[in-house]
Amino acid sequence: MKAMIFAAGLGTRLKPITDNLPKALVPIAGKPLLEHVILKLRAAGFDEILINVYHFPDQIIDFIRENNAFGIRIEISDERDMLLDTGGGVKKAAVFFDDNKPFLVHNVDILSNINLTELYHQHLRSNPLATLVVSSRDTFRYLLFDDGLRLRAWINEKTSETKPVDFKNPGRYNKLAFSGIQVLSPQVFELMQSYPAKFSIMDFYLQNMNQNNILSFVPADYKMLDVGKINVLEEAERFVSTI
């Protein structure tokens, strides 16, 4: 099975650590974030992984080489010429996902207890364009899903902005937060052909959700932590011992 790790971000919320280190290599409990994600993917049966890089890319490339790619196939999608955002990163990766099978995408700064095999098989059973791992945690940016688990809108509760901009009655829908883990069907690449090199995957979903099913997946007894901010690092050290 194939997967992609989003590791190209600048890690600005983790400064000053990321002044000299890519976010992917920030250590948590003695292992870089990237290693935590690779090992979780490998344990779930994902043996071909693509990692996109931009910020200090050579450090990540050297880390993979020094660890003999953890005994699996690991390739690099080099974005150092232009940071492509999440949608552009997936579009550029089309050549890697050449087997016409669904693939998993995992943010490098997400730690969780999710069963990735269960997630992948749920996607195969439902066969949507994408399956998004979500939870009911507190934030101010939410995805809105109908009772059939289908994506219907995005809302920023701090600014009252919605996408689509004319979306009505958001309170009628199930309000869930995206967890940075998703499974995509290969049909996304055909739909992405008309998109520019750089675009957001979430905007792509919101623009294509009426013609294609974008489904939510809420794991049972889900625990996750976004290690995107420097004040979370101490909590992350404790968190990894619980998953």
C-alpha atoms as a PDB file:
ATOM      1  CA  MET A   1       0.000   0.000   0.000  1.00  0.00           C
ATOM      2  CA  LYS A   2       1.111   3.532  -0.740  1.00  0.00           C
ATOM      3  CA  ALA A   3       1.072   6.667   1.388  1.00  0.00           C
ATOM      4  CA  MET A   4       2.284  10.253   1.398  1.00  0.00           C
ATOM      5  CA  ILE A   5       3.624  12.258   4.327  1.00  0.00           C
ATOM      6  CA  PHE A   6       3.191  16.032   4.202  1.00  0.00           C
ATOM      7  CA  ALA A   7       6.540  17.238   5.554  1.00  0.00           C
ATOM      8  CA  ALA A   8       7.185  20.372   3.506  1.00  0.00           C
ATOM      9  CA  GLY A   9       5.823  22.955   5.937  1.00  0.00           C
ATOM     10  CA  LEU A  10       7.938  25.777   7.323  1.00  0.00           C
ATOM     11  CA  GLY A  11       7.083  24.970  10.928  1.00  0.00           C
ATOM     12  CA  THR A  12       6.790  28.648  11.828  1.00  0.00           C
ATOM     13  CA  ARG A  13       4.794  27.872  14.991  1.00  0.00           C
ATOM     14  CA  LEU A  14       7.724  25.756  16.206  1.00  0.00           C
ATOM     15  CA  LYS A  15      10.284  28.544  16.043  1.00  0.00           C
ATOM     16  CA  PRO A  16      13.055  28.923  17.152  1.00  0.00           C
ATOM     17  CA  ILE A  17      13.586  25.142  16.870  1.00  0.00           C
ATOM     18  CA  THR A  18      12.746  25.219  13.153  1.00  0.00           C
ATOM     19  CA  ASP A  19      15.220  28.027  12.458  1.00  0.00           C
ATOM     20  CA  ASN A  20      17.781  25.276  11.877  1.00  0.00           C
ATOM     21  CA  LEU A  21      15.700  22.105  11.697  1.00  0.00           C
ATOM     22  CA  PRO A  22      12.751  21.000   9.562  1.00  0.00           C
ATOM     23  CA  LYS A  23       9.531  20.396  11.477  1.00  0.00           C
ATOM     24  CA  ALA A  24       9.650  16.751  10.399  1.00  0.00           C
ATOM     25  CA  LEU A  25      12.828  16.190  12.425  1.00  0.00           C
ATOM     26  CA  VAL A  26      11.695  17.828  15.663  1.00  0.00           C
ATOM     27  CA  PRO A  27      12.311  15.115  18.287  1.00  0.00           C
ATOM     28  CA  ILE A  28       9.493  13.694  20.412  1.00  0.00           C
ATOM     29  CA  ALA A  29      10.395  11.062  23.016  1.00  0.00           C
ATOM     30  CA  GLY A  30      13.744  10.427  21.341  1.00  0.00           C
ATOM     31  CA  LYS A  31      12.441  10.104  17.770  1.00  0.00           C
ATOM     32  CA  PRO A  32      11.789  12.727  15.100  1.00  0.00           C
ATOM     33  CA  LEU A  33       8.148  13.313  14.231  1.00  0.00           C
ATOM     34  CA  LEU A  34       8.841  11.876  10.787  1.00  0.00           C
ATOM     35  CA  GLU A  35      10.074   8.596  12.263  1.00  0.00           C
ATOM     36  CA  HIS A  36       6.952   8.266  14.434  1.00  0.00           C
ATOM     37  CA  VAL A  37       4.755   8.611  11.340  1.00  0.00           C
ATOM     38  CA  ILE A  38       6.867   6.322   9.121  1.00  0.00           C
ATOM     39  CA  LEU A  39       6.858   3.557  11.730  1.00  0.00           C
ATOM     40  CA  LYS A  40       3.084   3.880  12.211  1.00  0.00           C
ATOM     41  CA  LEU A  41       2.511   3.665   8.468  1.00  0.00           C
ATOM     42  CA  ARG A  42       4.870   0.719   8.084  1.00  0.00           C
ATOM     43  CA  ALA A  43       3.192  -1.174  10.940  1.00  0.00           C
ATOM     44  CA  ALA A  44      -0.163  -0.724   9.168  1.00  0.00           C
ATOM     45  CA  GLY A  45       1.186  -2.253   5.937  1.00  0.00           C
ATOM     46  CA  PHE A  46       2.142   0.870   3.996  1.00  0.00           C
ATOM     47  CA  ASP A  47       5.431  -0.112   2.389  1.00  0.00           C
ATOM     48  CA  GLU A  48       5.755   2.599  -0.272  1.00  0.00           C
ATOM     49  CA  ILE A  49       5.890   6.153   1.060  1.00  0.00           C
ATOM     50  CA  LEU A  50       6.381   9.520  -0.607  1.00  0.00           C
ATOM     51  CA  ILE A  51       7.561  12.478   1.508  1.00  0.00           C
ATOM     52  CA  ASN A  52       7.320  16.028   0.235  1.00  0.00           C
ATOM     53  CA  VAL A  53      10.078  18.424   1.337  1.00  0.00           C
ATOM     54  CA  TYR A  54      10.774  22.148   1.190  1.00  0.00           C
ATOM     55  CA  HIS A  55      12.216  23.495   4.461  1.00  0.00           C
ATOM     56  CA  PHE A  56      15.781  22.160   5.031  1.00  0.00           C
ATOM     57  CA  PRO A  57      15.067  19.338   2.557  1.00  0.00           C
ATOM     58  CA  ASP A  58      18.586  17.894   2.620  1.00  0.00           C
ATOM     59  CA  GLN A  59      18.299  17.175   6.335  1.00  0.00           C
ATOM     60  CA  ILE A  60      15.225  15.035   5.693  1.00  0.00           C
ATOM     61  CA  ILE A  61      16.811  13.289   2.702  1.00  0.00           C
ATOM     62  CA  ASP A  62      19.921  12.522   4.758  1.00  0.00           C
ATOM     63  CA  PHE A  63      17.793  11.212   7.642  1.00  0.00           C
ATOM     64  CA  ILE A  64      15.984   8.767   5.347  1.00  0.00           C
ATOM     65  CA  ARG A  65      19.275   7.613   3.809  1.00  0.00           C
ATOM     66  CA  GLU A  66      20.968   7.178   7.208  1.00  0.00           C
ATOM     67  CA  ASN A  67      18.100   4.938   8.330  1.00  0.00           C
ATOM     68  CA  ASN A  68      18.119   2.869   5.118  1.00  0.00           C
ATOM     69  CA  ALA A  69      14.574   4.075   4.379  1.00  0.00           C
ATOM     70  CA  PHE A  70      13.403   1.985   7.354  1.00  0.00           C
ATOM     71  CA  GLY A  71      13.476  -1.101   5.149  1.00  0.00           C
ATOM     72  CA  ILE A  72      10.728   0.041   2.784  1.00  0.00           C
ATOM     73  CA  ARG A  73      10.476   2.119  -0.394  1.00  0.00           C
ATOM     74  CA  ILE A  74      10.624   5.822   0.460  1.00  0.00           C
ATOM     75  CA  GLU A  75      10.783   8.484  -2.250  1.00  0.00           C
ATOM     76  CA  ILE A  76      11.088  12.273  -2.024  1.00  0.00           C
ATOM     77  CA  SER A  77       8.851  14.837  -3.714  1.00  0.00           C
ATOM     78  CA  ASP A  78      11.091  17.907  -3.849  1.00  0.00           C
ATOM     79  CA  GLU A  79       9.207  21.199  -3.599  1.00  0.00           C
ATOM     80  CA  ARG A  80      12.157  23.468  -2.869  1.00  0.00           C
ATOM     81  CA  ASP A  81      11.462  25.471  -6.065  1.00  0.00           C
ATOM     82  CA  MET A  82       7.929  26.257  -4.850  1.00  0.00           C
ATOM     83  CA  LEU A  83       5.963  25.261  -1.764  1.00  0.00           C
ATOM     84  CA  LEU A  84       2.873  23.746  -3.405  1.00  0.00           C
ATOM     85  CA  ASP A  85       0.370  23.691  -0.523  1.00  0.00           C
ATOM     86  CA  THR A  86      -1.524  20.495   0.234  1.00  0.00           C
ATOM     87  CA  GLY A  87      -3.460  20.146  -3.021  1.00  0.00           C
ATOM     88  CA  GLY A  88      -0.487  21.003  -5.176  1.00  0.00           C
ATOM     89  CA  GLY A  89       1.629  18.548  -3.221  1.00  0.00           C
ATOM     90  CA  VAL A  90      -0.802  15.734  -4.007  1.00  0.00           C
ATOM     91  CA  LYS A  91      -1.086  16.751  -7.670  1.00  0.00           C
ATOM     92  CA  LYS A  92       2.713  16.685  -8.066  1.00  0.00           C
ATOM     93  CA  ALA A  93       2.741  13.200  -6.509  1.00  0.00           C
ATOM     94  CA  ALA A  94       0.569  11.658  -9.247  1.00  0.00           C
ATOM     95  CA  VAL A  95       3.544   9.921 -10.852  1.00  0.00           C
ATOM     96  CA  PHE A  96       4.219   8.055  -7.572  1.00  0.00           C
ATOM     97  CA  PHE A  97       0.618   6.893  -7.172  1.00  0.00           C
ATOM     98  CA  ASP A  98       0.548   5.090 -10.509  1.00  0.00           C
ATOM     99  CA  ASP A  99      -1.238   1.874  -9.472  1.00  0.00           C
ATOM    100  CA  ASN A 100      -4.805   3.234  -9.648  1.00  0.00           C
ATOM    101  CA  LYS A 101      -5.393   2.405  -5.976  1.00  0.00           C
ATOM    102  CA  PRO A 102      -6.440   4.608  -3.051  1.00  0.00           C
ATOM    103  CA  PHE A 103      -3.596   6.076  -1.014  1.00  0.00           C
ATOM    104  CA  LEU A 104      -3.235   7.540   2.454  1.00  0.00           C
ATOM    105  CA  VAL A 105      -1.960  11.041   3.250  1.00  0.00           C
ATOM    106  CA  HIS A 106      -0.678  11.846   6.756  1.00  0.00           C
ATOM    107  CA  ASN A 107       0.562  15.170   8.132  1.00  0.00           C
ATOM    108  CA  VAL A 108       3.988  14.804   9.719  1.00  0.00           C
ATOM    109  CA  ASP A 109       3.006  16.715  12.867  1.00  0.00           C
ATOM    110  CA  ILE A 110       0.044  14.520  13.837  1.00  0.00           C
ATOM    111  CA  LEU A 111       0.383  11.864  16.532  1.00  0.00           C
ATOM    112  CA  SER A 112      -2.589   9.582  17.137  1.00  0.00           C
ATOM    113  CA  ASN A 113      -3.849   6.152  18.107  1.00  0.00           C
ATOM    114  CA  ILE A 114      -5.819   5.693  14.871  1.00  0.00           C
ATOM    115  CA  ASN A 115      -5.932   2.259  13.279  1.00  0.00           C
ATOM    116  CA  LEU A 116      -4.733   3.156   9.772  1.00  0.00           C
ATOM    117  CA  THR A 117      -5.606  -0.264   8.368  1.00  0.00           C
ATOM    118  CA  GLU A 118      -9.204   0.129   9.528  1.00  0.00           C
ATOM    119  CA  LEU A 119      -9.325   3.604   7.987  1.00  0.00           C
ATOM    120  CA  TYR A 120      -8.030   2.352   4.642  1.00  0.00           C
ATOM    121  CA  HIS A 121     -10.462  -0.561   4.510  1.00  0.00           C
ATOM    122  CA  GLN A 122     -13.366   1.721   5.427  1.00  0.00           C
ATOM    123  CA  HIS A 123     -12.441   3.878   2.436  1.00  0.00           C
ATOM    124  CA  LEU A 124     -12.385   0.809   0.183  1.00  0.00           C
ATOM    125  CA  ARG A 125     -15.855  -0.203   1.379  1.00  0.00           C
ATOM    126  CA  SER A 126     -17.384   3.251   0.908  1.00  0.00           C
ATOM    127  CA  ASN A 127     -15.414   4.152  -2.234  1.00  0.00           C
ATOM    128  CA  PRO A 128     -15.716   7.963  -1.942  1.00  0.00           C
ATOM    129  CA  LEU A 129     -13.390  10.476  -3.550  1.00  0.00           C
ATOM    130  CA  ALA A 130     -11.814  10.991  -0.138  1.00  0.00           C
ATOM    131  CA  THR A 131     -12.211   9.903   3.473  1.00  0.00           C
ATOM    132  CA  LEU A 132     -11.231  12.541   6.040  1.00  0.00           C
ATOM    133  CA  VAL A 133     -10.342  11.648   9.625  1.00  0.00           C
ATOM    134  CA  VAL A 134     -12.155  14.088  11.892  1.00  0.00           C
ATOM    135  CA  SER A 135     -12.949  14.548  15.571  1.00  0.00           C
ATOM    136  CA  SER A 136     -15.096  16.719  17.823  1.00  0.00           C
ATOM    137  CA  ARG A 137     -12.209  18.560  19.478  1.00  0.00           C
ATOM    138  CA  ASP A 138     -12.348  22.297  20.226  1.00  0.00           C
ATOM    139  CA  THR A 139     -11.020  24.616  17.542  1.00  0.00           C
ATOM    140  CA  PHE A 140     -12.495  27.477  15.509  1.00  0.00           C
ATOM    141  CA  ARG A 141     -12.203  26.020  11.993  1.00  0.00           C
ATOM    142  CA  TYR A 142     -14.595  23.166  11.321  1.00  0.00           C
ATOM    143  CA  LEU A 143     -15.805  20.957   8.501  1.00  0.00           C
ATOM    144  CA  LEU A 144     -19.575  20.513   8.323  1.00  0.00           C
ATOM    145  CA  PHE A 145     -21.015  17.108   7.414  1.00  0.00           C
ATOM    146  CA  ASP A 146     -24.589  16.004   6.802  1.00  0.00           C
ATOM    147  CA  ASP A 147     -26.170  12.968   8.461  1.00  0.00           C
ATOM    148  CA  GLY A 148     -24.881  10.810   5.598  1.00  0.00           C
ATOM    149  CA  LEU A 149     -21.311  11.738   6.636  1.00  0.00           C
ATOM    150  CA  ARG A 150     -20.837  13.801   3.447  1.00  0.00           C
ATOM    151  CA  LEU A 151     -18.846  17.035   3.485  1.00  0.00           C
ATOM    152  CA  ARG A 152     -21.067  20.073   2.945  1.00  0.00           C
ATOM    153  CA  ALA A 153     -19.105  23.151   4.068  1.00  0.00           C
ATOM    154  CA  TRP A 154     -16.247  24.725   6.029  1.00  0.00           C
ATOM    155  CA  ILE A 155     -16.661  27.376   8.701  1.00  0.00           C
ATOM    156  CA  ASN A 156     -14.373  29.677  10.655  1.00  0.00           C
ATOM    157  CA  GLU A 157     -16.341  30.411  13.826  1.00  0.00           C
ATOM    158  CA  LYS A 158     -13.988  33.222  14.814  1.00  0.00           C
ATOM    159  CA  THR A 159     -14.674  35.227  11.647  1.00  0.00           C
ATOM    160  CA  SER A 160     -18.025  33.647  10.580  1.00  0.00           C
ATOM    161  CA  GLU A 161     -16.471  32.968   7.153  1.00  0.00           C
ATOM    162  CA  THR A 162     -17.939  29.975   5.344  1.00  0.00           C
ATOM    163  CA  LYS A 163     -17.050  28.038   2.223  1.00  0.00           C
ATOM    164  CA  PRO A 164     -19.158  28.058   0.097  1.00  0.00           C
ATOM    165  CA  VAL A 165     -19.640  31.749   0.936  1.00  0.00           C
ATOM    166  CA  ASP A 166     -23.443  31.525   0.629  1.00  0.00           C
ATOM    167  CA  PHE A 167     -23.792  28.452   2.865  1.00  0.00           C
ATOM    168  CA  LYS A 168     -26.960  28.576   4.968  1.00  0.00           C
ATOM    169  CA  ASN A 169     -27.907  27.189   8.400  1.00  0.00           C
ATOM    170  CA  PRO A 170     -24.522  25.747   9.467  1.00  0.00           C
ATOM    171  CA  GLY A 171     -26.027  24.778  12.827  1.00  0.00           C
ATOM    172  CA  ARG A 172     -27.998  21.998  11.123  1.00  0.00           C
ATOM    173  CA  TYR A 173     -24.824  20.078  10.304  1.00  0.00           C
ATOM    174  CA  ASN A 174     -22.318  17.964  12.208  1.00  0.00           C
ATOM    175  CA  LYS A 175     -19.354  20.164  13.161  1.00  0.00           C
ATOM    176  CA  LEU A 176     -16.050  18.268  13.160  1.00  0.00           C
ATOM    177  CA  ALA A 177     -12.350  19.179  13.056  1.00  0.00           C
ATOM    178  CA  PHE A 178     -10.011  17.729  10.440  1.00  0.00           C
ATOM    179  CA  SER A 179      -7.211  15.623  11.908  1.00  0.00           C
ATOM    180  CA  GLY A 180      -4.607  15.807   9.142  1.00  0.00           C
ATOM    181  CA  ILE A 181      -5.082  12.185   8.022  1.00  0.00           C
ATOM    182  CA  GLN A 182      -7.011  11.178   4.898  1.00  0.00           C
ATOM    183  CA  VAL A 183      -7.406   8.523   2.216  1.00  0.00           C
ATOM    184  CA  LEU A 184      -7.804   9.629  -1.395  1.00  0.00           C
ATOM    185  CA  SER A 185      -9.053   7.735  -4.417  1.00  0.00           C
ATOM    186  CA  PRO A 186      -6.935   7.971  -7.606  1.00  0.00           C
ATOM    187  CA  GLN A 187      -9.773   9.857  -9.347  1.00  0.00           C
ATOM    188  CA  VAL A 188      -8.511  12.994  -7.615  1.00  0.00           C
ATOM    189  CA  PHE A 189      -5.726  13.287 -10.174  1.00  0.00           C
ATOM    190  CA  GLU A 190      -8.109  13.618 -13.095  1.00  0.00           C
ATOM    191  CA  LEU A 191     -10.069  16.303 -11.255  1.00  0.00           C
ATOM    192  CA  MET A 192      -6.850  18.135 -10.365  1.00  0.00           C
ATOM    193  CA  GLN A 193      -5.698  18.486 -13.963  1.00  0.00           C
ATOM    194  CA  SER A 194      -7.418  21.865 -14.333  1.00  0.00           C
ATOM    195  CA  TYR A 195      -5.945  23.194 -11.081  1.00  0.00           C
ATOM    196  CA  PRO A 196      -2.785  25.326 -10.836  1.00  0.00           C
ATOM    197  CA  ALA A 197       0.482  23.999  -9.416  1.00  0.00           C
ATOM    198  CA  LYS A 198      -0.303  25.403  -5.954  1.00  0.00           C
ATOM    199  CA  PHE A 199      -3.663  25.012  -4.213  1.00  0.00           C
ATOM    200  CA  SER A 200      -5.290  23.812  -0.991  1.00  0.00           C
ATOM    201  CA  ILE A 201      -6.608  20.250  -0.810  1.00  0.00           C
ATOM    202  CA  MET A 202      -9.471  21.440   1.409  1.00  0.00           C
ATOM    203  CA  ASP A 203     -10.559  24.032  -1.147  1.00  0.00           C
ATOM    204  CA  PHE A 204     -10.386  21.271  -3.764  1.00  0.00           C
ATOM    205  CA  TYR A 205     -12.732  19.112  -1.679  1.00  0.00           C
ATOM    206  CA  LEU A 206     -15.184  21.964  -1.098  1.00  0.00           C
ATOM    207  CA  GLN A 207     -15.264  22.710  -4.828  1.00  0.00           C
ATOM    208  CA  ASN A 208     -15.877  19.068  -5.786  1.00  0.00           C
ATOM    209  CA  MET A 209     -18.076  17.782  -2.943  1.00  0.00           C
ATOM    210  CA  ASN A 210     -21.403  18.210  -4.753  1.00  0.00           C
ATOM    211  CA  GLN A 211     -20.422  15.869  -7.576  1.00  0.00           C
ATOM    212  CA  ASN A 212     -18.257  13.511  -5.482  1.00  0.00           C
ATOM    213  CA  ASN A 213     -18.608  12.004  -2.017  1.00  0.00           C
ATOM    214  CA  ILE A 214     -16.143  13.396   0.518  1.00  0.00           C
ATOM    215  CA  LEU A 215     -16.818  11.392   3.684  1.00  0.00           C
ATOM    216  CA  SER A 216     -15.917  11.763   7.343  1.00  0.00           C
ATOM    217  CA  PHE A 217     -14.362   9.057   9.486  1.00  0.00           C
ATOM    218  CA  VAL A 218     -14.483   9.379  13.277  1.00  0.00           C
ATOM    219  CA  PRO A 219     -12.362   6.661  14.918  1.00  0.00           C
ATOM    220  CA  ALA A 220     -13.620   5.016  18.084  1.00  0.00           C
ATOM    221  CA  ASP A 221     -11.815   6.116  21.271  1.00  0.00           C
ATOM    222  CA  TYR A 222      -9.749   8.506  19.177  1.00  0.00           C
ATOM    223  CA  LYS A 223      -6.762  10.274  20.673  1.00  0.00           C
ATOM    224  CA  MET A 224      -4.693  12.684  18.597  1.00  0.00           C
ATOM    225  CA  LEU A 225      -2.308  15.563  19.084  1.00  0.00           C
ATOM    226  CA  ASP A 226      -1.269  18.249  16.616  1.00  0.00           C
ATOM    227  CA  VAL A 227       2.407  18.927  17.355  1.00  0.00           C
ATOM    228  CA  GLY A 228       2.394  22.169  15.398  1.00  0.00           C
ATOM    229  CA  LYS A 229       3.072  24.583  18.262  1.00  0.00           C
ATOM    230  CA  ILE A 230       6.080  24.839  20.525  1.00  0.00           C
ATOM    231  CA  ASN A 231       3.942  24.850  23.689  1.00  0.00           C
ATOM    232  CA  VAL A 232       2.668  21.365  22.780  1.00  0.00           C
ATOM    233  CA  LEU A 233       6.079  19.658  22.754  1.00  0.00           C
ATOM    234  CA  GLU A 234       6.067  18.786  26.449  1.00  0.00           C
ATOM    235  CA  GLU A 235       2.565  17.355  26.154  1.00  0.00           C
ATOM    236  CA  ALA A 236       3.670  15.372  23.090  1.00  0.00           C
ATOM    237  CA  GLU A 237       6.403  13.671  25.123  1.00  0.00           C
ATOM    238  CA  ARG A 238       3.721  12.319  27.463  1.00  0.00           C
ATOM    239  CA  PHE A 239       1.208  11.653  24.703  1.00  0.00           C
ATOM    240  CA  VAL A 240       3.332   9.151  22.758  1.00  0.00           C
ATOM    241  CA  SER A 241       3.451   6.844  25.774  1.00  0.00           C
ATOM    242  CA  THR A 242      -0.360   6.563  25.705  1.00  0.00           C
ATOM    243  CA  ILE A 243      -0.853   5.503  22.085  1.00  0.00           C
END
